[in-house]
C-alpha atoms as a PDB file:
ATOM      1  CA  ALA A   1     124.699  71.614  88.861  1.00  0.00           C
ATOM      2  CA  ARG A   2     128.633  71.154  89.611  1.00  0.00           C
ATOM      3  CA  MET A   3     128.196  70.461  92.528  1.00  0.00           C
ATOM      4  CA  ALA A   4     126.112  67.533  91.034  1.00  0.00           C
ATOM      5  CA  ALA A   5     128.702  67.140  88.362  1.00  0.00           C
ATOM      6  CA  GLY A   6     130.796  66.264  90.847  1.00  0.00           C
ATOM      7  CA  LEU A   7     134.655  66.612  91.077  1.00  0.00           C
ATOM      8  CA  ARG A   8     135.312  64.361  87.757  1.00  0.00           C
ATOM      9  CA  GLU A   9     133.305  67.095  85.938  1.00  0.00           C
ATOM     10  CA  SER A  10     134.926  70.194  87.768  1.00  0.00           C
ATOM     11  CA  GLU A  11     137.683  72.922  86.291  1.00  0.00           C
ATOM     12  CA  SER A  12     139.740  71.863  89.009  1.00  0.00           C
ATOM     13  CA  VAL A  13     140.541  70.355  92.411  1.00  0.00           C
ATOM     14  CA  ALA A  14     139.699  74.117  93.126  1.00  0.00           C
ATOM     15  CA  ALA A  15     137.223  74.806  91.786  1.00  0.00           C
ATOM     16  CA  PHE A  16     135.517  72.029  93.264  1.00  0.00           C
ATOM     17  CA  ARG A  17     136.859  72.813  97.076  1.00  0.00           C
ATOM     18  CA  ALA A  18     135.636  76.299  96.192  1.00  0.00           C
ATOM     19  CA  ASP A  19     132.157  75.391  95.235  1.00  0.00           C
ATOM     20  CA  VAL A  20     131.471  72.829  98.623  1.00  0.00           C
ATOM     21  CA  GLN A  21     133.782  75.488 100.620  1.00  0.00           C
ATOM     22  CA  TYR A  22     131.038  77.722  99.409  1.00  0.00           C
ATOM     23  CA  ILE A  23     127.123  75.435 100.272  1.00  0.00           C
ATOM     24  CA  VAL A  24     129.322  75.138 103.624  1.00  0.00           C
ATOM     25  CA  ASP A  25     129.666  78.610 104.195  1.00  0.00           C
ATOM     26  CA  ALA A  26     125.492  78.558 102.549  1.00  0.00           C
ATOM     27  CA  LEU A  27     124.538  75.708 105.231  1.00  0.00           C
ATOM     28  CA  SER A  28     126.529  77.422 108.479  1.00  0.00           C
ATOM     29  CA  ARG A  29     124.104  80.865 107.626  1.00  0.00           C
ATOM     30  CA  LEU A  30     120.996  78.730 107.139  1.00  0.00           C
ATOM     31  CA  HIS A  31     121.387  76.986 110.186  1.00  0.00           C
ATOM     32  CA  GLY A  32     123.470  79.878 112.085  1.00  0.00           C
ATOM     33  CA  ASP A  33     125.844  76.571 113.016  1.00  0.00           C
ATOM     34  CA  ALA A  34     128.976  75.833 112.193  1.00  0.00           C
ATOM     35  CA  ARG A  35     128.317  72.520 113.645  1.00  0.00           C
ATOM     36  CA  HIS A  36     125.014  71.650 112.001  1.00  0.00           C
ATOM     37  CA  PRO A  37     124.978  67.598 110.705  1.00  0.00           C
ATOM     38  CA  HIS A  38     124.056  68.400 107.280  1.00  0.00           C
ATOM     39  CA  LEU A  39     127.845  69.426 106.905  1.00  0.00           C
ATOM     40  CA  LEU A  40     129.343  65.930 108.207  1.00  0.00           C
ATOM     41  CA  ASP A  41     129.916  64.593 104.523  1.00  0.00           C
ATOM     42  CA  LEU A  42     130.991  68.173 103.743  1.00  0.00           C
ATOM     43  CA  TYR A  43     133.694  68.379 106.361  1.00  0.00           C
ATOM     44  CA  HIS A  44     134.862  65.245 105.153  1.00  0.00           C
ATOM     45  CA  MET A  45     135.453  65.624 101.881  1.00  0.00           C
ATOM     46  CA  LEU A  46     136.697  69.529 101.823  1.00  0.00           C
ATOM     47  CA  ALA A  47     139.579  66.677 104.464  1.00  0.00           C
ATOM     48  CA  GLN A  48     139.811  64.385 101.980  1.00  0.00           C
ATOM     49  CA  LEU A  49     140.108  67.302  99.449  1.00  0.00           C
ATOM     50  CA  ALA A  50     143.319  68.732 101.150  1.00  0.00           C
ATOM     51  CA  LEU A  51     145.664  66.405 101.184  1.00  0.00           C
ATOM     52  CA  SER A  52     148.737  68.797 100.562  1.00  0.00           C
ATOM     53  CA  ASP A  53     147.493  71.609 102.922  1.00  0.00           C
ATOM     54  CA  ILE A  54     147.599  69.087 106.103  1.00  0.00           C
ATOM     55  CA  ASP A  55     146.790  72.536 108.422  1.00  0.00           C
ATOM     56  CA  GLY A  56     144.068  72.316 105.943  1.00  0.00           C
ATOM     57  CA  GLN A  57     143.166  68.752 106.173  1.00  0.00           C
ATOM     58  CA  MET A  58     142.940  69.075 110.336  1.00  0.00           C
ATOM     59  CA  ARG A  59     141.153  71.970 110.605  1.00  0.00           C
ATOM     60  CA  TYR A  60     137.930  69.962 108.839  1.00  0.00           C
ATOM     61  CA  LEU A  61     139.104  66.917 110.294  1.00  0.00           C
ATOM     62  CA  GLU A  62     138.711  68.534 113.788  1.00  0.00           C
ATOM     63  CA  LEU A  63     135.703  70.209 112.052  1.00  0.00           C
ATOM     64  CA  GLU A  64     134.029  66.301 110.991  1.00  0.00           C
ATOM     65  CA  ARG A  65     134.891  65.167 114.476  1.00  0.00           C
ATOM     66  CA  GLU A  66     133.258  68.404 116.985  1.00  0.00           C
ATOM     67  CA  VAL A  67     129.555  67.116 114.932  1.00  0.00           C
ATOM     68  CA  LEU A  68     129.976  64.058 115.059  1.00  0.00           C
ATOM     69  CA  ARG A  69     130.633  64.106 118.763  1.00  0.00           C
ATOM     70  CA  ARG A  70     127.802  66.738 119.008  1.00  0.00           C
ATOM     71  CA  TYR A  71     125.602  64.527 117.412  1.00  0.00           C
ATOM     72  CA  TYR A  72     127.094  61.224 116.844  1.00  0.00           C
ATOM     73  CA  PRO A  73     128.420  60.978 120.099  1.00  0.00           C
ATOM     74  CA  GLU A  74     129.036  56.938 119.823  1.00  0.00           C
ATOM     75  CA  GLU A  75     129.616  56.735 116.954  1.00  0.00           C
ATOM     76  CA  ALA A  76     132.806  58.478 117.273  1.00  0.00           C
ATOM     77  CA  ASP A  77     133.605  57.010 120.516  1.00  0.00           C
ATOM     78  CA  ARG A  78     134.540  54.131 118.488  1.00  0.00           C
ATOM     79  CA  LEU A  79     135.747  56.433 115.321  1.00  0.00           C
ATOM     80  CA  ASP A  80     138.662  57.112 118.521  1.00  0.00           C
ATOM     81  CA  GLU A  81     139.107  53.773 119.305  1.00  0.00           C
ATOM     82  CA  GLU A  82     139.588  52.285 115.929  1.00  0.00           C
ATOM     83  CA  ILE A  83     142.079  55.086 114.542  1.00  0.00           C
ATOM     84  CA  MET A  84     143.550  54.546 118.424  1.00  0.00           C
ATOM     85  CA  HIS A  85     143.522  50.436 117.657  1.00  0.00           C
ATOM     86  CA  LEU A  86     145.979  52.093 114.045  1.00  0.00           C
ATOM     87  CA  VAL A  87     147.574  54.351 114.817  1.00  0.00           C
ATOM     88  CA  GLN A  88     149.044  52.219 117.111  1.00  0.00           C
ATOM     89  CA  GLY A  89     150.497  49.222 115.778  1.00  0.00           C
ATOM     90  CA  ARG A  90     147.846  47.374 116.134  1.00  0.00           C
ATOM     91  CA  GLY A  91     146.460  46.405 112.774  1.00  0.00           C
ATOM     92  CA  PRO A  92     142.835  46.295 111.357  1.00  0.00           C
ATOM     93  CA  PHE A  93     140.541  46.988 113.885  1.00  0.00           C
ATOM     94  CA  ASN A  94     137.546  44.581 114.030  1.00  0.00           C
ATOM     95  CA  ALA A  95     135.463  42.422 116.859  1.00  0.00           C
ATOM     96  CA  ALA A  96     137.567  39.819 117.178  1.00  0.00           C
ATOM     97  CA  ALA A  97     140.561  42.287 117.218  1.00  0.00           C
ATOM     98  CA  LYS A  98     138.955  44.292 120.691  1.00  0.00           C
ATOM     99  CA  ALA A  99     137.358  40.734 121.624  1.00  0.00           C
ATOM    100  CA  SER A 100     140.924  39.406 121.891  1.00  0.00           C
ATOM    101  CA  ALA A 101     142.146  42.492 123.763  1.00  0.00           C
ATOM    102  CA  GLY A 102     139.438  41.968 126.448  1.00  0.00           C
ATOM    103  CA  GLY A 103     136.979  43.530 125.135  1.00  0.00           C
ATOM    104  CA  GLU A 104     133.204  44.009 124.558  1.00  0.00           C
ATOM    105  CA  ALA A 105     133.076  42.707 120.732  1.00  0.00           C
ATOM    106  CA  ALA A 106     132.091  45.756 118.381  1.00  0.00           C
ATOM    107  CA  GLU A 107     129.833  46.038 115.414  1.00  0.00           C
ATOM    108  CA  ASP A 108     131.684  45.100 111.615  1.00  0.00           C
ATOM    109  CA  LEU A 109     131.658  47.991 109.936  1.00  0.00           C
ATOM    110  CA  SER A 110     133.358  47.018 107.043  1.00  0.00           C
ATOM    111  CA  ALA A 111     130.847  46.495 104.389  1.00  0.00           C
ATOM    112  CA  VAL A 112     129.113  49.567 106.203  1.00  0.00           C
ATOM    113  CA  ASP A 113     129.501  51.997 102.047  1.00  0.00           C
ATOM    114  CA  PHE A 114     129.530  55.664 104.493  1.00  0.00           C
ATOM    115  CA  GLY A 115     128.841  57.791 101.144  1.00  0.00           C
ATOM    116  CA  GLN A 116     129.006  58.320  98.057  1.00  0.00           C
ATOM    117  CA  TRP A 117     131.722  60.301  97.521  1.00  0.00           C
ATOM    118  CA  SER A 118     134.924  58.799  97.550  1.00  0.00           C
ATOM    119  CA  ALA A 119     138.849  60.794  97.035  1.00  0.00           C
ATOM    120  CA  PRO A 120     139.846  60.187  93.031  1.00  0.00           C
ATOM    121  CA  THR A 121     143.566  58.421  93.370  1.00  0.00           C
ATOM    122  CA  ASP A 122     144.682  60.772  91.026  1.00  0.00           C
ATOM    123  CA  LEU A 123     144.609  64.356  90.853  1.00  0.00           C
ATOM    124  CA  HIS A 124     147.322  65.298  89.302  1.00  0.00           C
ATOM    125  CA  GLY A 125     146.701  67.375  86.096  1.00  0.00           C
ATOM    126  CA  MET A 126     143.249  68.833  87.204  1.00  0.00           C
ATOM    127  CA  ASP A 127     145.045  72.427  88.875  1.00  0.00           C
END
């Protein structure tokens, strides 16, 4: 019930993070696999909640990436390419940027909603 209420209704960020981790642990045991596709959004959520813990955030992002690579390899490759594009300071990644670089035009997914949950902008005072 607390998970369904979401972060804003939770007692604290730490309590919400613990609830999400509890669900991850339960799903991992249920499926016998810590890289099951049902865990993808939960790993992403945990990475967003670990803003002040770079090592924890990296651990969850790596788990998220492992799930993507196993079950959605084309999407993982596209995301890797987009990240590399941004890291190299070449601006926003889109079909026009890829075409101008001489590559095949990628599908523009900027308007796609990849999930209902997003990190709140104001986490101060929640812990």
